[in-house]
C-alpha cells in the first residue's frame, strides 16, 4: 500500500458509519482544507448513506479505504478502536480516535508506539476538554479539592460493547486528570449490571496523592439526559450544567460566561477535529487530547471497572 503525501487539501476518511461516524464525516465535509473522501463500514449501504451526500465514497475493504484517504477518524465500536487505528498508522495515516482510545492499556500503548515510530499524530475524542478550555477552567491557578460529576442518559443501543465507565465516565475522568496535577492512588466503586451483563450504572470515588477527591456517577438507564459537575477549590466553587451549557462560579478567577457562544463552545467536536488537522499539518504542536492523555484516562477508567468487581 503506497503512502500518500499530504496535499493542500487533505482527504478525510471515517471508519464506522454509526451516529458518531456521521458526525465526523460532516466535520471533514465542512472544515477548511479537508474533504470527506471515504467512509468504511461492514454494511455497504450504511457506508454509502453517510459518504455519498457529502461527496465521498463508501467502502467495505479496509485496504482500499486507506488508499483513498490521508487522515482517518476511527468511530467504529470501541472494541475495534485499536485494531483500526493500528491499520491506519501502518499505512502512514494520522488518526483521530473516538474515546476510549482502546479497551486495554496495552492496546493504547501499541497505538502510541506505532504513531511515534512513524512520526504520525494520534488524537482522541474527549471533546469536553474543548468546553473546559472555552470556559477557562484549565487556566485556574489553584489545585481543586473535590470534583463531583454526574452523567446520566436514557437507554441506547450505542456503545453496548463497553461499560458505562468506558462510554460515559471516561469523559469526566479525563477532565479530572486535566485539572489536577497529582496522580490517582485509589479507586473504589459500586455499580449495577444490565440484563446483558454490562455495567450500565456506576459510581466511583477516586483519591489522588495530593488529597484531591473525584466522585463520578454515570448511568445509561436514566429517564433523561442530566450532566452536571461541581468543582471545589480553596477559594470557591464552580458548578457546570453540560446540557444547558451554563455554569455558576464563586471563585475569584474570571471564567467566560459566554463560552457557549464562542466557536469552540458552539461546536466542541469541530474544534477538536480542527485541532487534530492543525497538528497533522504541523500548524499546532499537539492535538487537543493526545495519546498519552487518552491512555491515562483509560487506565483510570479500567481501575474503576476493576473496583466495581467481576461482572460474572
C-alpha atoms as a PDB file:
ATOM      1  CA  UNK A   1       0.000   0.000   0.000  1.00  0.00           C
ATOM      2  CA  UNK A   2       1.511   3.287  -1.084  1.00  0.00           C
ATOM      3  CA  UNK A   3       1.745   6.083   1.435  1.00  0.00           C
ATOM      4  CA  UNK A   4       0.014   9.288   0.369  1.00  0.00           C
ATOM      5  CA  UNK A   5       1.876  12.606   0.810  1.00  0.00           C
ATOM      6  CA  UNK A   6      -0.061  15.414   2.432  1.00  0.00           C
ATOM      7  CA  UNK A   7      -1.506  17.876  -0.056  1.00  0.00           C
ATOM      8  CA  UNK A   8      -3.070  21.299   0.365  1.00  0.00           C
ATOM      9  CA  UNK A   9      -6.434  19.602   0.753  1.00  0.00           C
ATOM     10  CA  UNK A  10      -6.464  16.551   2.984  1.00  0.00           C
ATOM     11  CA  UNK A  11      -8.681  13.588   2.168  1.00  0.00           C
ATOM     12  CA  UNK A  12     -10.542  12.630   5.326  1.00  0.00           C
ATOM     13  CA  UNK A  13     -11.809   9.131   5.984  1.00  0.00           C
ATOM     14  CA  UNK A  14     -14.101   7.782   8.689  1.00  0.00           C
ATOM     15  CA  UNK A  15     -14.201   4.201   9.926  1.00  0.00           C
ATOM     16  CA  UNK A  16     -17.686   3.467  11.197  1.00  0.00           C
ATOM     17  CA  UNK A  17     -20.980   4.682   9.741  1.00  0.00           C
ATOM     18  CA  UNK A  18     -22.888   4.961  13.003  1.00  0.00           C
ATOM     19  CA  UNK A  19     -24.078   8.136  14.703  1.00  0.00           C
ATOM     20  CA  UNK A  20     -20.599   9.396  15.599  1.00  0.00           C
ATOM     21  CA  UNK A  21     -19.227   8.342  12.237  1.00  0.00           C
ATOM     22  CA  UNK A  22     -21.811  10.592  10.653  1.00  0.00           C
ATOM     23  CA  UNK A  23     -20.828  13.478  12.928  1.00  0.00           C
ATOM     24  CA  UNK A  24     -17.171  13.103  11.951  1.00  0.00           C
ATOM     25  CA  UNK A  25     -17.934  12.748   8.255  1.00  0.00           C
ATOM     26  CA  UNK A  26     -19.811  16.048   8.400  1.00  0.00           C
ATOM     27  CA  UNK A  27     -16.824  17.722  10.059  1.00  0.00           C
ATOM     28  CA  UNK A  28     -14.497  16.615   7.262  1.00  0.00           C
ATOM     29  CA  UNK A  29     -17.033  17.841   4.724  1.00  0.00           C
ATOM     30  CA  UNK A  30     -17.314  21.314   6.235  1.00  0.00           C
ATOM     31  CA  UNK A  31     -13.915  22.200   7.701  1.00  0.00           C
ATOM     32  CA  UNK A  32     -11.450  24.151   5.532  1.00  0.00           C
ATOM     33  CA  UNK A  33      -8.506  22.305   3.998  1.00  0.00           C
ATOM     34  CA  UNK A  34     -10.108  18.870   4.115  1.00  0.00           C
ATOM     35  CA  UNK A  35     -12.762  16.924   2.208  1.00  0.00           C
ATOM     36  CA  UNK A  36     -14.752  13.856   3.153  1.00  0.00           C
ATOM     37  CA  UNK A  37     -13.324  11.244   0.821  1.00  0.00           C
ATOM     38  CA  UNK A  38     -14.383   7.883   2.240  1.00  0.00           C
ATOM     39  CA  UNK A  39     -16.422   6.063   4.877  1.00  0.00           C
ATOM     40  CA  UNK A  40     -15.729   2.443   5.821  1.00  0.00           C
ATOM     41  CA  UNK A  41     -18.314   0.123   7.340  1.00  0.00           C
ATOM     42  CA  UNK A  42     -19.064  -3.586   7.193  1.00  0.00           C
ATOM     43  CA  UNK A  43     -22.509  -2.611   5.902  1.00  0.00           C
ATOM     44  CA  UNK A  44     -22.047  -1.116   2.404  1.00  0.00           C
ATOM     45  CA  UNK A  45     -25.436   0.615   2.418  1.00  0.00           C
ATOM     46  CA  UNK A  46     -24.616   2.417   5.670  1.00  0.00           C
ATOM     47  CA  UNK A  47     -21.189   3.491   4.429  1.00  0.00           C
ATOM     48  CA  UNK A  48     -22.674   4.870   1.217  1.00  0.00           C
ATOM     49  CA  UNK A  49     -25.541   6.595   3.040  1.00  0.00           C
ATOM     50  CA  UNK A  50     -23.071   8.594   5.144  1.00  0.00           C
ATOM     51  CA  UNK A  51     -20.439   9.217   2.471  1.00  0.00           C
ATOM     52  CA  UNK A  52     -22.301   9.947  -0.741  1.00  0.00           C
ATOM     53  CA  UNK A  53     -24.366  13.001   0.341  1.00  0.00           C
ATOM     54  CA  UNK A  54     -21.075  14.591   1.424  1.00  0.00           C
ATOM     55  CA  UNK A  55     -19.202  13.844  -1.787  1.00  0.00           C
ATOM     56  CA  UNK A  56     -17.382  10.733  -0.545  1.00  0.00           C
ATOM     57  CA  UNK A  57     -17.454   7.036  -1.327  1.00  0.00           C
ATOM     58  CA  UNK A  58     -18.479   4.098   0.799  1.00  0.00           C
ATOM     59  CA  UNK A  59     -16.062   1.211   1.342  1.00  0.00           C
ATOM     60  CA  UNK A  60     -16.139  -2.214   2.957  1.00  0.00           C
ATOM     61  CA  UNK A  61     -12.479  -3.091   2.237  1.00  0.00           C
ATOM     62  CA  UNK A  62     -10.020  -1.555   4.698  1.00  0.00           C
ATOM     63  CA  UNK A  63      -7.016  -1.521   2.348  1.00  0.00           C
ATOM     64  CA  UNK A  64      -8.989   0.205  -0.420  1.00  0.00           C
ATOM     65  CA  UNK A  65     -10.354   2.703   2.082  1.00  0.00           C
ATOM     66  CA  UNK A  66      -6.889   3.584   3.376  1.00  0.00           C
ATOM     67  CA  UNK A  67      -5.645   4.163  -0.171  1.00  0.00           C
ATOM     68  CA  UNK A  68      -8.389   6.766  -0.612  1.00  0.00           C
ATOM     69  CA  UNK A  69      -7.574   8.919   2.439  1.00  0.00           C
ATOM     70  CA  UNK A  70      -4.803  10.975   4.062  1.00  0.00           C
ATOM     71  CA  UNK A  71      -6.188  11.153   7.614  1.00  0.00           C
ATOM     72  CA  UNK A  72      -8.539   8.797   9.438  1.00  0.00           C
ATOM     73  CA  UNK A  73     -11.148   9.100  12.154  1.00  0.00           C
ATOM     74  CA  UNK A  74     -11.837   5.856  13.985  1.00  0.00           C
ATOM     75  CA  UNK A  75     -15.505   5.876  15.014  1.00  0.00           C
ATOM     76  CA  UNK A  76     -16.086   2.141  14.987  1.00  0.00           C
ATOM     77  CA  UNK A  77     -17.216   0.286  18.143  1.00  0.00           C
ATOM     78  CA  UNK A  78     -14.719   0.778  20.970  1.00  0.00           C
ATOM     79  CA  UNK A  79     -13.546  -2.831  20.916  1.00  0.00           C
ATOM     80  CA  UNK A  80     -12.193  -2.200  17.380  1.00  0.00           C
ATOM     81  CA  UNK A  81     -10.552   1.183  18.051  1.00  0.00           C
ATOM     82  CA  UNK A  82      -7.015  -0.116  18.484  1.00  0.00           C
ATOM     83  CA  UNK A  83      -7.219  -2.554  15.556  1.00  0.00           C
ATOM     84  CA  UNK A  84      -8.445   0.103  13.147  1.00  0.00           C
ATOM     85  CA  UNK A  85      -6.051   2.765  14.443  1.00  0.00           C
ATOM     86  CA  UNK A  86      -3.067   0.441  14.080  1.00  0.00           C
ATOM     87  CA  UNK A  87      -4.053  -0.387  10.495  1.00  0.00           C
ATOM     88  CA  UNK A  88      -4.312   3.296   9.630  1.00  0.00           C
ATOM     89  CA  UNK A  89      -0.986   4.120  11.269  1.00  0.00           C
ATOM     90  CA  UNK A  90       0.709   1.219   9.468  1.00  0.00           C
ATOM     91  CA  UNK A  91      -0.491   2.815   6.222  1.00  0.00           C
ATOM     92  CA  UNK A  92       1.051   6.137   7.230  1.00  0.00           C
ATOM     93  CA  UNK A  93      -2.203   7.869   8.180  1.00  0.00           C
ATOM     94  CA  UNK A  94      -2.560  10.020  11.294  1.00  0.00           C
ATOM     95  CA  UNK A  95      -5.636   9.094  13.312  1.00  0.00           C
ATOM     96  CA  UNK A  96      -8.321  10.722  15.397  1.00  0.00           C
ATOM     97  CA  UNK A  97      -9.800   8.035  17.661  1.00  0.00           C
ATOM     98  CA  UNK A  98     -13.139   8.437  19.347  1.00  0.00           C
ATOM     99  CA  UNK A  99     -12.939   7.736  23.080  1.00  0.00           C
ATOM    100  CA  UNK A 100     -11.780   5.451  24.535  1.00  0.00           C
ATOM    101  CA  UNK A 101      -8.501   5.159  22.652  1.00  0.00           C
ATOM    102  CA  UNK A 102      -8.674   1.377  23.189  1.00  0.00           C
ATOM    103  CA  UNK A 103     -10.205  -1.075  25.619  1.00  0.00           C
ATOM    104  CA  UNK A 104      -6.894  -2.079  27.211  1.00  0.00           C
ATOM    105  CA  UNK A 105      -3.881  -0.024  28.217  1.00  0.00           C
ATOM    106  CA  UNK A 106      -1.623  -2.430  26.325  1.00  0.00           C
ATOM    107  CA  UNK A 107      -3.507  -1.747  23.084  1.00  0.00           C
ATOM    108  CA  UNK A 108      -3.458   2.001  23.744  1.00  0.00           C
ATOM    109  CA  UNK A 109       0.307   1.827  24.188  1.00  0.00           C
ATOM    110  CA  UNK A 110       0.633  -0.089  20.899  1.00  0.00           C
ATOM    111  CA  UNK A 111      -1.222   2.735  19.155  1.00  0.00           C
ATOM    112  CA  UNK A 112       1.002   5.351  20.780  1.00  0.00           C
ATOM    113  CA  UNK A 113       4.178   3.449  19.861  1.00  0.00           C
ATOM    114  CA  UNK A 114       3.084   2.890  16.264  1.00  0.00           C
ATOM    115  CA  UNK A 115       2.422   6.607  15.815  1.00  0.00           C
ATOM    116  CA  UNK A 116       5.741   7.585  17.402  1.00  0.00           C
ATOM    117  CA  UNK A 117       7.643   5.163  15.171  1.00  0.00           C
ATOM    118  CA  UNK A 118       6.282   6.868  12.038  1.00  0.00           C
ATOM    119  CA  UNK A 119       6.064  10.432  13.321  1.00  0.00           C
ATOM    120  CA  UNK A 120       2.285  10.470  12.989  1.00  0.00           C
ATOM    121  CA  UNK A 121      -0.395  12.205  15.060  1.00  0.00           C
ATOM    122  CA  UNK A 122      -2.849  10.431  17.341  1.00  0.00           C
ATOM    123  CA  UNK A 123      -5.722  12.464  18.763  1.00  0.00           C
ATOM    124  CA  UNK A 124      -8.525  11.196  20.976  1.00  0.00           C
ATOM    125  CA  UNK A 125     -12.114  12.406  21.101  1.00  0.00           C
ATOM    126  CA  UNK A 126     -12.509  13.662  24.654  1.00  0.00           C
ATOM    127  CA  UNK A 127     -14.396  16.712  23.405  1.00  0.00           C
ATOM    128  CA  UNK A 128     -15.338  18.017  26.846  1.00  0.00           C
ATOM    129  CA  UNK A 129     -11.771  19.344  27.046  1.00  0.00           C
ATOM    130  CA  UNK A 130     -12.807  21.914  24.436  1.00  0.00           C
ATOM    131  CA  UNK A 131     -15.605  23.198  26.658  1.00  0.00           C
ATOM    132  CA  UNK A 132     -13.242  23.372  29.641  1.00  0.00           C
ATOM    133  CA  UNK A 133     -10.784  25.389  27.550  1.00  0.00           C
ATOM    134  CA  UNK A 134     -13.546  27.709  26.327  1.00  0.00           C
ATOM    135  CA  UNK A 135     -14.708  28.326  29.908  1.00  0.00           C
ATOM    136  CA  UNK A 136     -11.168  28.985  31.131  1.00  0.00           C
ATOM    137  CA  UNK A 137     -11.221  26.158  33.652  1.00  0.00           C
ATOM    138  CA  UNK A 138      -7.881  24.774  32.500  1.00  0.00           C
ATOM    139  CA  UNK A 139      -6.265  28.105  33.443  1.00  0.00           C
ATOM    140  CA  UNK A 140      -7.361  28.253  37.100  1.00  0.00           C
ATOM    141  CA  UNK A 141      -4.108  28.513  39.104  1.00  0.00           C
ATOM    142  CA  UNK A 142      -5.408  26.571  42.138  1.00  0.00           C
ATOM    143  CA  UNK A 143      -5.469  22.831  42.507  1.00  0.00           C
ATOM    144  CA  UNK A 144      -9.008  21.515  43.113  1.00  0.00           C
ATOM    145  CA  UNK A 145     -10.081  19.862  46.354  1.00  0.00           C
ATOM    146  CA  UNK A 146     -13.122  17.978  45.076  1.00  0.00           C
ATOM    147  CA  UNK A 147     -14.823  17.078  41.812  1.00  0.00           C
ATOM    148  CA  UNK A 148     -18.332  15.638  41.703  1.00  0.00           C
ATOM    149  CA  UNK A 149     -19.575  14.615  38.257  1.00  0.00           C
ATOM    150  CA  UNK A 150     -22.931  13.148  37.292  1.00  0.00           C
ATOM    151  CA  UNK A 151     -23.507  11.951  33.722  1.00  0.00           C
ATOM    152  CA  UNK A 152     -26.827  10.212  33.169  1.00  0.00           C
ATOM    153  CA  UNK A 153     -28.635   9.327  29.964  1.00  0.00           C
ATOM    154  CA  UNK A 154     -31.511   7.147  28.739  1.00  0.00           C
ATOM    155  CA  UNK A 155     -31.026   3.621  27.378  1.00  0.00           C
ATOM    156  CA  UNK A 156     -29.473   3.383  23.904  1.00  0.00           C
ATOM    157  CA  UNK A 157     -28.184   0.702  21.558  1.00  0.00           C
ATOM    158  CA  UNK A 158     -24.977   2.716  21.081  1.00  0.00           C
ATOM    159  CA  UNK A 159     -21.696   1.571  22.697  1.00  0.00           C
ATOM    160  CA  UNK A 160     -23.124  -1.663  24.102  1.00  0.00           C
ATOM    161  CA  UNK A 161     -19.720  -3.290  23.590  1.00  0.00           C
ATOM    162  CA  UNK A 162     -18.304  -1.399  26.590  1.00  0.00           C
ATOM    163  CA  UNK A 163     -19.475  -0.419  30.059  1.00  0.00           C
ATOM    164  CA  UNK A 164     -20.892   2.948  31.086  1.00  0.00           C
ATOM    165  CA  UNK A 165     -17.457   3.580  32.625  1.00  0.00           C
ATOM    166  CA  UNK A 166     -15.685   3.453  29.248  1.00  0.00           C
ATOM    167  CA  UNK A 167     -18.630   5.043  27.450  1.00  0.00           C
ATOM    168  CA  UNK A 168     -19.604   7.906  29.785  1.00  0.00           C
ATOM    169  CA  UNK A 169     -17.422   8.132  32.891  1.00  0.00           C
ATOM    170  CA  UNK A 170     -14.214   8.282  30.878  1.00  0.00           C
ATOM    171  CA  UNK A 171     -15.181  11.835  29.787  1.00  0.00           C
ATOM    172  CA  UNK A 172     -15.211  13.095  33.376  1.00  0.00           C
ATOM    173  CA  UNK A 173     -12.171  11.028  34.297  1.00  0.00           C
ATOM    174  CA  UNK A 174     -10.246  12.837  31.552  1.00  0.00           C
ATOM    175  CA  UNK A 175     -11.435  16.209  32.874  1.00  0.00           C
ATOM    176  CA  UNK A 176     -10.363  15.329  36.410  1.00  0.00           C
ATOM    177  CA  UNK A 177      -6.911  14.359  35.163  1.00  0.00           C
ATOM    178  CA  UNK A 178      -6.722  17.590  33.136  1.00  0.00           C
ATOM    179  CA  UNK A 179      -7.294  19.883  36.122  1.00  0.00           C
ATOM    180  CA  UNK A 180      -5.338  18.004  38.803  1.00  0.00           C
ATOM    181  CA  UNK A 181      -1.553  17.767  38.654  1.00  0.00           C
ATOM    182  CA  UNK A 182      -1.417  14.867  41.118  1.00  0.00           C
ATOM    183  CA  UNK A 183      -1.667  11.162  40.332  1.00  0.00           C
ATOM    184  CA  UNK A 184      -4.635   8.986  41.328  1.00  0.00           C
ATOM    185  CA  UNK A 185      -3.828   6.454  44.036  1.00  0.00           C
ATOM    186  CA  UNK A 186      -7.036   4.606  44.941  1.00  0.00           C
ATOM    187  CA  UNK A 187     -10.375   3.867  43.275  1.00  0.00           C
ATOM    188  CA  UNK A 188     -13.499   2.499  44.937  1.00  0.00           C
ATOM    189  CA  UNK A 189     -16.766   1.819  43.176  1.00  0.00           C
ATOM    190  CA  UNK A 190     -20.143   0.178  43.010  1.00  0.00           C
ATOM    191  CA  UNK A 191     -22.425  -0.464  40.070  1.00  0.00           C
ATOM    192  CA  UNK A 192     -25.385  -2.231  38.542  1.00  0.00           C
ATOM    193  CA  UNK A 193     -25.267  -4.619  35.624  1.00  0.00           C
ATOM    194  CA  UNK A 194     -27.688  -4.578  32.716  1.00  0.00           C
ATOM    195  CA  UNK A 195     -29.518  -7.696  31.577  1.00  0.00           C
ATOM    196  CA  UNK A 196     -26.751  -8.380  29.059  1.00  0.00           C
ATOM    197  CA  UNK A 197     -24.061  -8.344  31.760  1.00  0.00           C
ATOM    198  CA  UNK A 198     -22.592  -4.876  31.143  1.00  0.00           C
ATOM    199  CA  UNK A 199     -22.096  -2.190  33.799  1.00  0.00           C
ATOM    200  CA  UNK A 200     -24.816   0.350  32.932  1.00  0.00           C
ATOM    201  CA  UNK A 201     -24.821   2.210  36.267  1.00  0.00           C
ATOM    202  CA  UNK A 202     -21.673   3.019  38.210  1.00  0.00           C
ATOM    203  CA  UNK A 203     -20.457   5.280  40.982  1.00  0.00           C
ATOM    204  CA  UNK A 204     -16.778   5.647  41.827  1.00  0.00           C
ATOM    205  CA  UNK A 205     -14.631   7.635  44.243  1.00  0.00           C
ATOM    206  CA  UNK A 206     -11.017   8.240  43.258  1.00  0.00           C
ATOM    207  CA  UNK A 207      -8.410   9.658  45.647  1.00  0.00           C
ATOM    208  CA  UNK A 208      -5.327  11.483  44.415  1.00  0.00           C
ATOM    209  CA  UNK A 209      -1.933  11.748  46.066  1.00  0.00           C
ATOM    210  CA  UNK A 210      -2.430  15.439  46.976  1.00  0.00           C
ATOM    211  CA  UNK A 211      -5.772  14.823  48.711  1.00  0.00           C
ATOM    212  CA  UNK A 212      -7.964  15.720  45.735  1.00  0.00           C
ATOM    213  CA  UNK A 213     -11.078  13.523  45.526  1.00  0.00           C
ATOM    214  CA  UNK A 214     -13.096  12.862  42.374  1.00  0.00           C
ATOM    215  CA  UNK A 215     -16.555  11.301  42.559  1.00  0.00           C
ATOM    216  CA  UNK A 216     -18.084  10.003  39.332  1.00  0.00           C
ATOM    217  CA  UNK A 217     -21.699   8.912  38.868  1.00  0.00           C
ATOM    218  CA  UNK A 218     -22.876   7.535  35.498  1.00  0.00           C
ATOM    219  CA  UNK A 219     -25.970   5.790  34.218  1.00  0.00           C
ATOM    220  CA  UNK A 220     -27.271   4.541  30.881  1.00  0.00           C
ATOM    221  CA  UNK A 221     -30.648   3.734  32.440  1.00  0.00           C
ATOM    222  CA  UNK A 222     -31.855   7.226  33.385  1.00  0.00           C
ATOM    223  CA  UNK A 223     -35.176   8.720  32.220  1.00  0.00           C
ATOM    224  CA  UNK A 224     -33.463  11.774  30.690  1.00  0.00           C
ATOM    225  CA  UNK A 225     -30.090  13.358  29.962  1.00  0.00           C
ATOM    226  CA  UNK A 226     -28.547  15.012  33.017  1.00  0.00           C
ATOM    227  CA  UNK A 227     -24.874  16.022  33.017  1.00  0.00           C
ATOM    228  CA  UNK A 228     -23.535  18.249  35.781  1.00  0.00           C
ATOM    229  CA  UNK A 229     -20.250  18.801  37.589  1.00  0.00           C
ATOM    230  CA  UNK A 230     -19.229  20.549  40.799  1.00  0.00           C
ATOM    231  CA  UNK A 231     -15.633  21.654  41.316  1.00  0.00           C
ATOM    232  CA  UNK A 232     -14.500  22.795  44.752  1.00  0.00           C
ATOM    233  CA  UNK A 233     -11.348  24.924  45.058  1.00  0.00           C
ATOM    234  CA  UNK A 234      -9.799  26.511  48.158  1.00  0.00           C
ATOM    235  CA  UNK A 235     -11.249  29.856  47.096  1.00  0.00           C
ATOM    236  CA  UNK A 236     -14.706  28.842  45.847  1.00  0.00           C
ATOM    237  CA  UNK A 237     -16.758  26.544  43.659  1.00  0.00           C
ATOM    238  CA  UNK A 238     -17.750  26.103  40.032  1.00  0.00           C
ATOM    239  CA  UNK A 239     -20.968  24.278  39.146  1.00  0.00           C
ATOM    240  CA  UNK A 240     -21.432  23.310  35.495  1.00  0.00           C
ATOM    241  CA  UNK A 241     -24.514  22.117  33.618  1.00  0.00           C
ATOM    242  CA  UNK A 242     -23.218  20.477  30.444  1.00  0.00           C
ATOM    243  CA  UNK A 243     -26.705  20.102  28.950  1.00  0.00           C
ATOM    244  CA  UNK A 244     -27.763  23.719  29.489  1.00  0.00           C
ATOM    245  CA  UNK A 245     -24.147  24.804  28.822  1.00  0.00           C
ATOM    246  CA  UNK A 246     -24.107  27.177  31.782  1.00  0.00           C
ATOM    247  CA  UNK A 247     -22.102  27.464  35.000  1.00  0.00           C
ATOM    248  CA  UNK A 248     -22.029  29.214  38.364  1.00  0.00           C
ATOM    249  CA  UNK A 249     -18.686  30.477  39.647  1.00  0.00           C
ATOM    250  CA  UNK A 250     -17.899  31.649  43.192  1.00  0.00           C
ATOM    251  CA  UNK A 251     -14.104  31.559  42.808  1.00  0.00           C
ATOM    252  CA  UNK A 252     -12.200  34.837  42.308  1.00  0.00           C
ATOM    253  CA  UNK A 253     -10.995  33.623  38.903  1.00  0.00           C
ATOM    254  CA  UNK A 254     -12.570  35.000  35.750  1.00  0.00           C
ATOM    255  CA  UNK A 255     -14.312  32.404  33.606  1.00  0.00           C
ATOM    256  CA  UNK A 256     -16.021  33.010  30.277  1.00  0.00           C
ATOM    257  CA  UNK A 257     -19.762  33.041  30.946  1.00  0.00           C
ATOM    258  CA  UNK A 258     -20.349  33.277  27.189  1.00  0.00           C
ATOM    259  CA  UNK A 259     -18.250  30.219  26.377  1.00  0.00           C
ATOM    260  CA  UNK A 260     -21.229  28.502  24.702  1.00  0.00           C
ATOM    261  CA  UNK A 261     -21.337  31.315  22.136  1.00  0.00           C
ATOM    262  CA  UNK A 262     -17.678  31.003  21.138  1.00  0.00           C
ATOM    263  CA  UNK A 263     -16.877  28.975  18.004  1.00  0.00           C
ATOM    264  CA  UNK A 264     -15.351  26.210  20.132  1.00  0.00           C
ATOM    265  CA  UNK A 265     -18.227  26.320  22.602  1.00  0.00           C
ATOM    266  CA  UNK A 266     -20.820  26.033  19.861  1.00  0.00           C
ATOM    267  CA  UNK A 267     -19.080  23.072  18.221  1.00  0.00           C
ATOM    268  CA  UNK A 268     -16.668  21.219  20.524  1.00  0.00           C
ATOM    269  CA  UNK A 269     -16.354  18.302  18.117  1.00  0.00           C
ATOM    270  CA  UNK A 270     -15.492  20.622  15.248  1.00  0.00           C
ATOM    271  CA  UNK A 271     -12.875  22.376  17.367  1.00  0.00           C
ATOM    272  CA  UNK A 272     -11.411  19.019  18.382  1.00  0.00           C
ATOM    273  CA  UNK A 273     -11.202  17.727  14.790  1.00  0.00           C
ATOM    274  CA  UNK A 274      -9.788  21.065  13.609  1.00  0.00           C
ATOM    275  CA  UNK A 275      -7.121  20.803  16.314  1.00  0.00           C
ATOM    276  CA  UNK A 276      -6.218  17.346  15.042  1.00  0.00           C
ATOM    277  CA  UNK A 277      -5.870  18.627  11.488  1.00  0.00           C
ATOM    278  CA  UNK A 278      -3.690  21.552  12.616  1.00  0.00           C
ATOM    279  CA  UNK A 279      -1.385  19.106  14.389  1.00  0.00           C
ATOM    280  CA  UNK A 280      -1.251  16.892  11.289  1.00  0.00           C
ATOM    281  CA  UNK A 281      -0.234  19.886   9.173  1.00  0.00           C
ATOM    282  CA  UNK A 282       2.392  20.976  11.704  1.00  0.00           C
ATOM    283  CA  UNK A 283       0.458  24.164  12.500  1.00  0.00           C
ATOM    284  CA  UNK A 284      -0.001  23.153  16.167  1.00  0.00           C
ATOM    285  CA  UNK A 285       2.407  21.288  18.455  1.00  0.00           C
ATOM    286  CA  UNK A 286      -0.231  18.771  19.537  1.00  0.00           C
ATOM    287  CA  UNK A 287      -3.920  17.869  19.232  1.00  0.00           C
ATOM    288  CA  UNK A 288      -6.325  18.865  21.989  1.00  0.00           C
ATOM    289  CA  UNK A 289      -6.124  15.415  23.600  1.00  0.00           C
ATOM    290  CA  UNK A 290      -3.005  13.335  22.972  1.00  0.00           C
ATOM    291  CA  UNK A 291      -2.496   9.580  23.047  1.00  0.00           C
ATOM    292  CA  UNK A 292      -0.673   9.935  26.396  1.00  0.00           C
ATOM    293  CA  UNK A 293      -3.658  11.727  27.938  1.00  0.00           C
ATOM    294  CA  UNK A 294      -6.146   9.276  26.460  1.00  0.00           C
ATOM    295  CA  UNK A 295      -4.193   6.331  27.851  1.00  0.00           C
ATOM    296  CA  UNK A 296      -4.144   7.936  31.319  1.00  0.00           C
ATOM    297  CA  UNK A 297      -7.919   8.333  31.198  1.00  0.00           C
ATOM    298  CA  UNK A 298      -8.344   4.751  30.001  1.00  0.00           C
ATOM    299  CA  UNK A 299      -6.028   3.429  32.714  1.00  0.00           C
ATOM    300  CA  UNK A 300      -8.063   5.099  35.468  1.00  0.00           C
ATOM    301  CA  UNK A 301     -11.358   4.030  33.874  1.00  0.00           C
ATOM    302  CA  UNK A 302     -10.177   0.418  33.869  1.00  0.00           C
ATOM    303  CA  UNK A 303      -9.134   0.780  37.530  1.00  0.00           C
ATOM    304  CA  UNK A 304     -12.688   1.908  38.282  1.00  0.00           C
ATOM    305  CA  UNK A 305     -14.072  -1.082  36.393  1.00  0.00           C
ATOM    306  CA  UNK A 306     -11.824  -3.349  38.446  1.00  0.00           C
ATOM    307  CA  UNK A 307     -13.132  -1.705  41.627  1.00  0.00           C
ATOM    308  CA  UNK A 308     -16.691  -2.488  40.543  1.00  0.00           C
ATOM    309  CA  UNK A 309     -15.870  -6.179  40.607  1.00  0.00           C
ATOM    310  CA  UNK A 310     -16.237  -9.124  38.238  1.00  0.00           C
ATOM    311  CA  UNK A 311     -19.367  -8.758  36.059  1.00  0.00           C
ATOM    312  CA  UNK A 312     -19.653 -12.563  36.010  1.00  0.00           C
END
